[in-house]
Structure formats: structure tokens, C-alpha cells
Amino acid sequence: MYARLKAWMSACSLTRTAVAASWLDGSVSPDEFSKALRQVEPPIEFRSEVEFQKLWALIDTDNSGSMSLRELQDALTRAAKP
């Protein structure tokens, strides 16, 4: 899963504005994150809900059901490591 995220990061420029509109309350729900991923260029489409849930589980490390900016930063840092 990290390999796919890393490949996507290489193919596009992920900026905070991609999810900023959803981040107004300090966290992002799975639905908001999924929608934001489909709005960036190139968009990320998941083959199944299971595939998205696997990615979500890697990001939502505190299992709160929402993603903080810190959790996203940590996930991207882990994904960028060789």
C-alpha cells in the first residue's frame, strides 16, 4: 500500500489545499479524505472499499475514525522512506 502511495506522490504534487477545505474542524473523516484524493491530479481511485480501508488503517494510527494533520504527515513520512 505504501508503494502505491509513494508512486502517486511521485506522479503529482500533493498540497495541503487538496484536503484543506475538509480540514476546517482539525480532522478529516474517511469520506472527506476519499473525496479529496479523487479531486487531486492525477486522482486516486481505489479498486475497492477494502483497499481504501487498508490505506486508512495505515494513516489513522490512533483508530479514532478521523485523521489529524499529524497522522497524515507521519504516514507521508513513512511512505517516503525507501
N, C-alpha and C. Protein backbone atom coordinates (compact mmCIF):
# COMPACT_ATOMS: atom_id res chain seq x y z
N MET A 1 0.82 -1.19 0.00
CA MET A 1 0.00 0.00 0.00
C MET A 1 0.87 1.26 0.00
N TYR A 2 1.94 1.26 0.80
CA TYR A 2 2.83 2.42 0.82
C TYR A 2 3.48 2.62 -0.54
N ALA A 3 3.79 1.53 -1.23
CA ALA A 3 4.40 1.66 -2.55
C ALA A 3 3.48 2.40 -3.50
N ARG A 4 2.20 2.10 -3.43
CA ARG A 4 1.23 2.78 -4.30
C ARG A 4 1.12 4.25 -3.93
N LEU A 5 1.07 4.55 -2.63
CA LEU A 5 1.01 5.94 -2.19
C LEU A 5 2.27 6.68 -2.60
N LYS A 6 3.42 6.04 -2.44
CA LYS A 6 4.69 6.66 -2.80
C LYS A 6 4.75 6.94 -4.31
N ALA A 7 4.27 6.00 -5.12
CA ALA A 7 4.27 6.19 -6.57
C ALA A 7 3.35 7.35 -6.95
N TRP A 8 2.21 7.43 -6.28
CA TRP A 8 1.29 8.52 -6.55
C TRP A 8 1.92 9.86 -6.17
N MET A 9 2.60 9.90 -5.02
CA MET A 9 3.25 11.13 -4.57
C MET A 9 4.28 11.59 -5.58
N SER A 10 4.96 10.64 -6.22
CA SER A 10 5.96 10.99 -7.22
C SER A 10 5.31 11.54 -8.48
N ALA A 11 4.11 11.07 -8.77
CA ALA A 11 3.44 11.45 -10.01
C ALA A 11 2.70 12.78 -9.91
N CYS A 12 2.46 13.25 -8.72
CA CYS A 12 1.73 14.50 -8.59
C CYS A 12 2.25 15.31 -7.42
N SER A 13 1.73 16.48 -7.31
CA SER A 13 2.12 17.35 -6.22
C SER A 13 0.97 17.42 -5.23
N LEU A 14 1.12 16.75 -4.07
CA LEU A 14 0.09 16.80 -3.04
C LEU A 14 0.33 18.04 -2.20
N THR A 15 -0.64 18.89 -2.16
CA THR A 15 -0.53 20.10 -1.36
C THR A 15 -1.61 20.09 -0.29
N ARG A 16 -1.44 20.92 0.71
CA ARG A 16 -2.43 20.99 1.78
C ARG A 16 -3.78 21.44 1.26
N THR A 17 -3.80 22.18 0.16
CA THR A 17 -5.08 22.64 -0.36
C THR A 17 -5.94 21.50 -0.84
N ALA A 18 -5.36 20.35 -1.13
CA ALA A 18 -6.15 19.21 -1.58
C ALA A 18 -7.14 18.76 -0.52
N VAL A 19 -6.77 18.90 0.75
CA VAL A 19 -7.67 18.50 1.82
C VAL A 19 -8.04 19.65 2.74
N ALA A 20 -7.53 20.84 2.47
CA ALA A 20 -7.73 21.97 3.38
C ALA A 20 -9.20 22.30 3.58
N ALA A 21 -9.99 22.20 2.54
CA ALA A 21 -11.41 22.54 2.67
C ALA A 21 -12.10 21.61 3.66
N SER A 22 -11.66 20.38 3.76
CA SER A 22 -12.26 19.42 4.68
C SER A 22 -11.67 19.52 6.08
N TRP A 23 -10.55 20.21 6.23
CA TRP A 23 -9.80 20.21 7.48
C TRP A 23 -10.22 21.34 8.42
N LEU A 24 -11.34 21.94 8.19
CA LEU A 24 -11.74 23.11 8.96
C LEU A 24 -11.93 22.81 10.43
N ASP A 25 -12.35 21.59 10.78
CA ASP A 25 -12.56 21.25 12.19
C ASP A 25 -11.35 20.59 12.83
N GLY A 26 -10.22 20.50 12.11
CA GLY A 26 -9.00 19.93 12.67
C GLY A 26 -8.77 18.47 12.36
N SER A 27 -9.75 17.82 11.75
CA SER A 27 -9.58 16.43 11.37
C SER A 27 -10.39 16.14 10.11
N VAL A 28 -10.08 15.01 9.49
CA VAL A 28 -10.74 14.62 8.24
C VAL A 28 -11.33 13.23 8.42
N SER A 29 -12.55 13.07 7.97
CA SER A 29 -13.21 11.77 8.02
C SER A 29 -12.76 10.92 6.84
N PRO A 30 -13.01 9.61 6.89
CA PRO A 30 -12.66 8.77 5.74
C PRO A 30 -13.33 9.24 4.45
N ASP A 31 -14.60 9.64 4.53
CA ASP A 31 -15.30 10.11 3.33
C ASP A 31 -14.68 11.38 2.77
N GLU A 32 -14.33 12.31 3.65
CA GLU A 32 -13.70 13.56 3.21
C GLU A 32 -12.35 13.29 2.56
N PHE A 33 -11.57 12.37 3.14
CA PHE A 33 -10.25 12.06 2.60
C PHE A 33 -10.37 11.37 1.24
N SER A 34 -11.30 10.43 1.13
CA SER A 34 -11.52 9.73 -0.13
C SER A 34 -11.91 10.72 -1.22
N LYS A 35 -12.80 11.65 -0.89
CA LYS A 35 -13.22 12.67 -1.85
C LYS A 35 -12.05 13.55 -2.26
N ALA A 36 -11.23 13.96 -1.30
CA ALA A 36 -10.07 14.81 -1.60
C ALA A 36 -9.09 14.09 -2.52
N LEU A 37 -8.88 12.80 -2.31
CA LEU A 37 -7.95 12.04 -3.15
C LEU A 37 -8.45 11.96 -4.59
N ARG A 38 -9.75 11.94 -4.77
CA ARG A 38 -10.31 11.91 -6.13
C ARG A 38 -10.25 13.28 -6.81
N GLN A 39 -10.02 14.35 -6.04
CA GLN A 39 -10.00 15.69 -6.60
C GLN A 39 -8.61 16.18 -6.98
N VAL A 40 -7.55 15.52 -6.52
CA VAL A 40 -6.20 15.94 -6.90
C VAL A 40 -5.87 15.41 -8.28
N GLU A 41 -4.83 15.94 -8.89
CA GLU A 41 -4.39 15.49 -10.21
C GLU A 41 -3.04 14.82 -10.10
N PRO A 42 -2.86 13.62 -10.57
CA PRO A 42 -3.93 12.73 -11.04
C PRO A 42 -4.72 12.18 -9.87
N PRO A 43 -6.01 11.93 -10.08
CA PRO A 43 -6.85 11.44 -8.98
C PRO A 43 -6.48 10.01 -8.59
N ILE A 44 -6.71 9.71 -7.32
CA ILE A 44 -6.53 8.33 -6.84
C ILE A 44 -7.89 7.69 -6.79
N GLU A 45 -8.05 6.60 -7.48
CA GLU A 45 -9.27 5.81 -7.43
C GLU A 45 -8.89 4.46 -6.83
N PHE A 46 -9.70 3.99 -5.92
CA PHE A 46 -9.44 2.71 -5.28
C PHE A 46 -10.24 1.62 -5.96
N ARG A 47 -9.64 0.44 -6.08
CA ARG A 47 -10.31 -0.69 -6.73
C ARG A 47 -11.47 -1.21 -5.90
N SER A 48 -11.39 -0.99 -4.61
CA SER A 48 -12.45 -1.48 -3.72
C SER A 48 -12.44 -0.69 -2.43
N GLU A 49 -13.51 -0.80 -1.68
CA GLU A 49 -13.58 -0.17 -0.37
C GLU A 49 -12.55 -0.78 0.57
N VAL A 50 -12.29 -2.07 0.40
CA VAL A 50 -11.29 -2.76 1.23
C VAL A 50 -9.92 -2.13 1.03
N GLU A 51 -9.57 -1.84 -0.21
CA GLU A 51 -8.28 -1.21 -0.50
C GLU A 51 -8.18 0.15 0.19
N PHE A 52 -9.25 0.95 0.13
CA PHE A 52 -9.22 2.25 0.79
C PHE A 52 -9.10 2.07 2.30
N GLN A 53 -9.82 1.11 2.87
CA GLN A 53 -9.78 0.88 4.32
C GLN A 53 -8.39 0.45 4.79
N LYS A 54 -7.67 -0.27 3.96
CA LYS A 54 -6.28 -0.64 4.30
C LYS A 54 -5.40 0.61 4.38
N LEU A 55 -5.56 1.51 3.42
CA LEU A 55 -4.80 2.76 3.46
C LEU A 55 -5.21 3.58 4.67
N TRP A 56 -6.50 3.67 4.93
CA TRP A 56 -6.99 4.44 6.07
C TRP A 56 -6.40 3.91 7.37
N ALA A 57 -6.34 2.59 7.52
CA ALA A 57 -5.80 1.98 8.73
C ALA A 57 -4.33 2.34 8.92
N LEU A 58 -3.59 2.51 7.84
CA LEU A 58 -2.19 2.90 7.93
C LEU A 58 -2.04 4.36 8.37
N ILE A 59 -3.03 5.18 8.06
CA ILE A 59 -2.95 6.60 8.38
C ILE A 59 -3.56 6.90 9.75
N ASP A 60 -4.74 6.35 10.02
CA ASP A 60 -5.45 6.63 11.27
C ASP A 60 -4.89 5.75 12.38
N THR A 61 -3.69 6.07 12.81
CA THR A 61 -2.95 5.20 13.74
C THR A 61 -3.53 5.18 15.15
N ASP A 62 -4.32 6.18 15.50
CA ASP A 62 -4.93 6.16 16.83
C ASP A 62 -6.34 5.54 16.81
N ASN A 63 -6.75 5.08 15.62
CA ASN A 63 -8.06 4.43 15.44
C ASN A 63 -9.23 5.28 15.92
N SER A 64 -9.12 6.59 15.74
CA SER A 64 -10.17 7.49 16.19
C SER A 64 -11.33 7.59 15.20
N GLY A 65 -11.09 7.12 13.97
CA GLY A 65 -12.11 7.25 12.93
C GLY A 65 -11.99 8.55 12.15
N SER A 66 -11.02 9.38 12.54
CA SER A 66 -10.72 10.59 11.79
C SER A 66 -9.21 10.75 11.73
N MET A 67 -8.77 11.53 10.76
CA MET A 67 -7.33 11.69 10.54
C MET A 67 -6.93 13.11 10.91
N SER A 68 -5.92 13.21 11.74
CA SER A 68 -5.37 14.52 12.06
C SER A 68 -4.29 14.86 11.04
N LEU A 69 -3.95 16.12 10.97
CA LEU A 69 -2.86 16.53 10.08
C LEU A 69 -1.58 15.82 10.46
N ARG A 70 -1.34 15.64 11.74
CA ARG A 70 -0.13 14.95 12.21
C ARG A 70 -0.10 13.51 11.71
N GLU A 71 -1.23 12.82 11.76
CA GLU A 71 -1.28 11.44 11.27
C GLU A 71 -0.97 11.39 9.78
N LEU A 72 -1.49 12.35 9.00
CA LEU A 72 -1.20 12.38 7.57
C LEU A 72 0.28 12.66 7.34
N GLN A 73 0.84 13.61 8.06
CA GLN A 73 2.27 13.91 7.91
C GLN A 73 3.12 12.68 8.25
N ASP A 74 2.79 11.98 9.33
CA ASP A 74 3.54 10.78 9.71
C ASP A 74 3.43 9.70 8.64
N ALA A 75 2.23 9.51 8.09
CA ALA A 75 2.03 8.49 7.05
C ALA A 75 2.84 8.82 5.80
N LEU A 76 2.83 10.10 5.40
CA LEU A 76 3.60 10.50 4.22
C LEU A 76 5.09 10.36 4.46
N THR A 77 5.54 10.63 5.67
CA THR A 77 6.95 10.45 6.02
C THR A 77 7.33 8.98 5.92
N ARG A 78 6.48 8.11 6.45
CA ARG A 78 6.76 6.66 6.37
C ARG A 78 6.74 6.20 4.92
N ALA A 79 5.83 6.72 4.13
CA ALA A 79 5.72 6.31 2.72
C ALA A 79 6.92 6.76 1.90
N ALA A 80 7.52 7.88 2.28
CA ALA A 80 8.65 8.43 1.53
C ALA A 80 9.97 7.72 1.81
N LYS A 81 10.00 6.94 2.87
CA LYS A 81 11.25 6.22 3.20
C LYS A 81 11.44 5.08 2.21
N PRO A 82 12.70 4.86 1.82
CA PRO A 82 12.99 3.78 0.85
C PRO A 82 12.70 2.40 1.41
